[in-house]
Protein backbone atom coordinates (compact mmCIF):
# COMPACT_ATOMS: atom_id res chain seq x y z
CA UNK A 1 -48.26 -14.81 1.36
CA UNK A 2 -45.57 -15.47 3.97
CA UNK A 3 -43.40 -17.22 1.35
CA UNK A 4 -43.80 -14.19 -0.94
CA UNK A 5 -42.85 -11.85 1.92
CA UNK A 6 -39.71 -13.89 2.67
CA UNK A 7 -38.78 -13.77 -1.02
CA UNK A 8 -39.17 -9.99 -1.01
CA UNK A 9 -36.83 -9.67 1.99
CA UNK A 10 -34.29 -12.11 0.50
CA UNK A 11 -34.29 -10.30 -2.84
CA UNK A 12 -32.20 -7.44 -1.46
CA UNK A 13 -29.09 -9.54 -0.68
CA UNK A 14 -29.66 -12.18 -3.39
CA UNK A 15 -30.04 -9.83 -6.36
CA UNK A 16 -26.60 -8.41 -5.75
CA UNK A 17 -25.54 -11.68 -7.40
CA UNK A 18 -26.20 -12.98 -10.91
CA UNK A 19 -26.30 -16.29 -12.74
CA UNK A 20 -24.57 -19.17 -11.01
CA UNK A 21 -23.85 -17.07 -7.91
CA UNK A 22 -27.54 -16.23 -7.52
CA UNK A 23 -28.34 -19.94 -7.76
CA UNK A 24 -25.86 -20.83 -5.03
CA UNK A 25 -27.05 -17.88 -2.93
CA UNK A 26 -30.69 -18.96 -3.16
CA UNK A 27 -29.73 -22.54 -2.22
CA UNK A 28 -27.81 -21.20 0.77
CA UNK A 29 -30.74 -19.00 1.83
CA UNK A 30 -33.09 -21.98 1.72
CA UNK A 31 -30.69 -24.05 3.79
CA UNK A 32 -30.28 -21.23 6.35
CA UNK A 33 -34.07 -21.02 6.78
CA UNK A 34 -34.27 -24.81 7.16
CA UNK A 35 -31.49 -25.00 9.75
CA UNK A 36 -32.81 -22.05 11.75
CA UNK A 37 -36.18 -23.84 11.79
CA UNK A 38 -34.52 -27.12 12.82
CA UNK A 39 -32.38 -25.78 15.65
CA UNK A 40 -34.55 -22.85 16.73
CA UNK A 41 -35.53 -22.49 20.35
CA UNK A 42 -38.98 -21.38 19.16
CA UNK A 43 -40.35 -24.90 19.41
CA UNK A 44 -43.74 -23.49 20.40
CA UNK A 45 -43.97 -21.77 17.01
CA UNK A 46 -42.21 -24.04 14.50
CA UNK A 47 -41.88 -27.30 16.44
CA UNK A 48 -38.07 -27.46 16.26
CA UNK A 49 -36.55 -30.63 14.70
CA UNK A 50 -39.89 -32.46 14.92
CA UNK A 51 -41.61 -29.79 12.86
CA UNK A 52 -45.24 -28.73 12.94
CA UNK A 53 -47.74 -31.48 13.69
CA UNK A 54 -51.51 -31.92 13.75
CA UNK A 55 -52.07 -29.58 10.81
CA UNK A 56 -55.83 -29.63 10.12
CA UNK A 57 -56.96 -31.07 6.79
CA UNK A 58 -58.74 -29.10 4.10
CA UNK A 59 -62.40 -28.74 5.18
CA UNK A 60 -64.82 -31.09 3.46
CA UNK A 61 -67.56 -29.79 1.18
CA UNK A 62 -70.43 -31.33 3.12
CA UNK A 63 -73.36 -30.36 0.88
CA UNK A 64 -71.61 -32.12 -2.04
CA UNK A 65 -70.39 -35.00 0.18
CA UNK A 66 -66.76 -34.40 -0.91
CA UNK A 67 -64.26 -35.74 1.63
CA UNK A 68 -60.78 -34.32 0.99
CA UNK A 69 -59.22 -36.98 3.23
CA UNK A 70 -59.81 -39.29 0.25
CA UNK A 71 -56.62 -39.20 -1.89
CA UNK A 72 -58.57 -39.15 -5.16
CA UNK A 73 -60.66 -36.15 -4.07
CA UNK A 74 -57.56 -34.34 -2.87
CA UNK A 75 -55.85 -35.07 -6.19
CA UNK A 76 -58.66 -33.32 -8.07
CA UNK A 77 -58.54 -30.38 -5.64
CA UNK A 78 -54.80 -30.01 -6.35
CA UNK A 79 -55.45 -30.40 -10.07
CA UNK A 80 -57.89 -27.49 -10.01
CA UNK A 81 -55.46 -25.31 -8.01
CA UNK A 82 -52.61 -26.17 -10.40
CA UNK A 83 -54.76 -25.43 -13.46
CA UNK A 84 -55.81 -22.02 -12.10
CA UNK A 85 -52.22 -21.25 -11.07
CA UNK A 86 -50.88 -22.13 -14.53
CA UNK A 87 -53.57 -19.98 -16.15
CA UNK A 88 -52.56 -17.01 -13.99
CA UNK A 89 -48.86 -17.56 -14.72
CA UNK A 90 -49.58 -17.91 -18.45
CA UNK A 91 -51.46 -14.61 -18.42
CA UNK A 92 -48.61 -12.93 -16.54
CA UNK A 93 -46.01 -14.22 -19.00
CA UNK A 94 -47.98 -12.91 -21.97
CA UNK A 95 -48.62 -9.50 -20.41
CA UNK A 96 -46.40 -6.43 -20.57
CA UNK A 97 -44.83 -7.53 -17.28
CA UNK A 98 -44.01 -10.94 -18.78
CA UNK A 99 -42.45 -9.35 -21.86
CA UNK A 100 -40.30 -7.25 -19.54
CA UNK A 101 -39.26 -10.40 -17.66
CA UNK A 102 -38.13 -11.91 -20.98
CA UNK A 103 -36.24 -8.76 -21.92
CA UNK A 104 -34.34 -8.77 -18.62
CA UNK A 105 -33.63 -12.51 -18.93
CA UNK A 106 -32.14 -12.27 -22.42
CA UNK A 107 -30.63 -8.73 -22.45
CA UNK A 108 -30.64 -7.12 -19.01
CA UNK A 109 -28.19 -4.34 -19.91
CA UNK A 110 -30.21 -3.44 -22.99
CA UNK A 111 -33.41 -3.39 -20.91
CA UNK A 112 -31.73 -1.06 -18.40
CA UNK A 113 -30.62 1.24 -21.20
CA UNK A 114 -34.25 1.94 -22.16
CA UNK A 115 -35.31 2.70 -18.59
CA UNK A 116 -36.42 -0.68 -17.20
CA UNK A 117 -35.86 -1.03 -13.44
CA UNK A 118 -34.34 -4.52 -13.58
CA UNK A 119 -34.03 -4.89 -9.81
CA UNK A 120 -37.74 -4.19 -9.30
CA UNK A 121 -38.83 -6.63 -12.00
CA UNK A 122 -36.46 -9.36 -10.80
CA UNK A 123 -37.87 -8.93 -7.30
CA UNK A 124 -41.42 -9.15 -8.67
CA UNK A 125 -40.62 -12.40 -10.52
CA UNK A 126 -39.02 -13.81 -7.36
CA UNK A 127 -42.02 -12.87 -5.20
CA UNK A 128 -44.54 -14.33 -7.68
CA UNK A 129 -42.63 -17.63 -7.88
CA UNK A 130 -42.34 -17.81 -4.08
CA UNK A 131 -46.09 -17.22 -3.71
CA UNK A 132 -46.92 -20.22 -5.90
CA UNK A 133 -44.24 -22.35 -4.20
CA UNK A 134 -45.89 -21.44 -0.88
CA UNK A 135 -49.27 -22.44 -2.29
CA UNK A 136 -47.84 -25.85 -3.22
CA UNK A 137 -46.34 -26.16 0.27
CA UNK A 138 -49.71 -25.37 1.87
CA UNK A 139 -51.44 -28.08 -0.19
CA UNK A 140 -48.73 -30.54 0.86
CA UNK A 141 -48.91 -29.60 4.56
CA UNK A 142 -52.70 -29.89 4.83
CA UNK A 143 -52.62 -33.28 3.13
CA UNK A 144 -49.89 -35.02 5.15
CA UNK A 145 -50.79 -33.20 8.38
CA UNK A 146 -47.19 -32.49 9.37
CA UNK A 147 -44.08 -30.75 8.04
CA UNK A 148 -40.56 -30.99 9.39
CA UNK A 149 -37.23 -29.40 8.37
CA UNK A 150 -35.71 -32.70 7.23
CA UNK A 151 -38.22 -32.84 4.35
CA UNK A 152 -36.90 -29.69 2.66
CA UNK A 153 -33.14 -30.19 2.34
CA UNK A 154 -30.70 -29.32 -0.46
CA UNK A 155 -31.48 -32.62 -2.22
CA UNK A 156 -35.09 -31.51 -2.80
CA UNK A 157 -33.91 -28.16 -4.17
CA UNK A 158 -31.55 -29.93 -6.57
CA UNK A 159 -34.43 -32.09 -7.84
CA UNK A 160 -36.44 -28.94 -8.65
CA UNK A 161 -33.44 -27.56 -10.56
CA UNK A 162 -33.05 -30.82 -12.52
CA UNK A 163 -36.76 -30.80 -13.44
CA UNK A 164 -36.31 -27.34 -14.96
CA UNK A 165 -33.08 -28.22 -16.81
CA UNK A 166 -34.48 -31.46 -18.23
CA UNK A 167 -37.70 -29.77 -19.38
CA UNK A 168 -36.07 -26.54 -20.56
CA UNK A 169 -36.61 -22.95 -19.45
CA UNK A 170 -37.16 -21.06 -22.70
CA UNK A 171 -40.89 -21.80 -22.94
CA UNK A 172 -43.87 -21.85 -20.59
CA UNK A 173 -44.38 -25.61 -20.93
CA UNK A 174 -40.71 -26.66 -20.65
CA UNK A 175 -40.47 -27.09 -16.86
CA UNK A 176 -43.89 -28.78 -16.87
CA UNK A 177 -42.56 -31.37 -19.34
CA UNK A 178 -39.52 -31.95 -17.15
CA UNK A 179 -41.45 -32.52 -13.93
CA UNK A 180 -44.06 -34.78 -15.61
CA UNK A 181 -41.47 -37.01 -17.32
CA UNK A 182 -39.20 -37.34 -14.28
CA UNK A 183 -42.11 -37.89 -11.88
CA UNK A 184 -43.42 -40.71 -14.08
CA UNK A 185 -39.89 -42.15 -14.15
CA UNK A 186 -39.60 -41.97 -10.38
CA UNK A 187 -43.11 -42.95 -9.29
CA UNK A 188 -43.76 -45.69 -11.84
CA UNK A 189 -40.48 -47.06 -13.20
CA UNK A 190 -38.14 -46.85 -10.20
CA UNK A 191 -40.74 -47.96 -7.65
CA UNK A 192 -41.95 -50.78 -9.88
CA UNK A 193 -38.36 -52.03 -10.14
CA UNK A 194 -37.82 -51.54 -6.40
CA UNK A 195 -34.79 -49.26 -6.88
CA UNK A 196 -36.28 -45.98 -5.63
CA UNK A 197 -33.15 -45.40 -3.51
CA UNK A 198 -31.15 -45.04 -6.73
CA UNK A 199 -33.05 -41.86 -7.61
CA UNK A 200 -30.14 -39.44 -6.84
CA UNK A 201 -27.75 -41.54 -8.96
CA UNK A 202 -30.19 -41.71 -11.87
CA UNK A 203 -31.04 -38.02 -11.69
CA UNK A 204 -27.35 -37.15 -11.73
CA UNK A 205 -26.79 -39.28 -14.84
CA UNK A 206 -29.85 -37.75 -16.54
CA UNK A 207 -28.61 -34.23 -15.77
CA UNK A 208 -25.17 -34.94 -17.29
CA UNK A 209 -26.68 -36.54 -20.40
CA UNK A 210 -29.07 -33.64 -20.98
CA UNK A 211 -26.32 -31.04 -20.54
CA UNK A 212 -24.18 -32.93 -23.07
CA UNK A 213 -26.73 -33.98 -25.69
CA UNK A 214 -29.90 -31.93 -25.15
CA UNK A 215 -28.85 -28.68 -23.46
CA UNK A 216 -32.12 -26.89 -24.34
CA UNK A 217 -34.20 -29.62 -22.68
CA UNK A 218 -37.19 -31.64 -23.79
CA UNK A 219 -38.95 -28.52 -25.05
CA UNK A 220 -36.42 -28.31 -27.92
CA UNK A 221 -37.83 -31.62 -29.26
CA UNK A 222 -41.33 -30.19 -29.72
CA UNK A 223 -40.52 -27.95 -32.75
CA UNK A 224 -38.48 -30.78 -34.28
């Protein structure tokens, strides 16, 4: 909810920009939040450079003897949350609101000409996405027990962007394809070879290759 609120407040300056400029502006906003957190004097609230520690874990379900400190149990908890979240997002995309989102994405001027309040719908899309990003952050924080500003730098934001570009953004399943394929590449292939530190180099090469040879992402291979 707090992430959604921040997105709502940031929408007023950010949506004065479009396209590439909006992308850079959102990156800059994320970095401003991170640096304010890192160098803030409010160490009692956010922990300063050391971050927030001793975050309590997700409560166990005692009557079912489910201990969420167990990584396998926590994996299934996250799987359920992700499945429900994707179902909600799928329903939103195929509702009247989702059709309006598509109209603004492809032809914003045309949508405005028939009375669509593009600013309001862009803000709504931004707030919804921030809510689910905040949900993912909460699951992460309660699992590792600590969060610090060094964990959420520009590099992490670039990875999210690459996942979307590699998967494609024209369909619902495109970004999911991108994140699954690149996570398998990173967690299994790179770590098995012991070259996990080469991840930025490899991601950069993958991004260039996809822009050159598969600009519509992996999702464009599905119809073919």
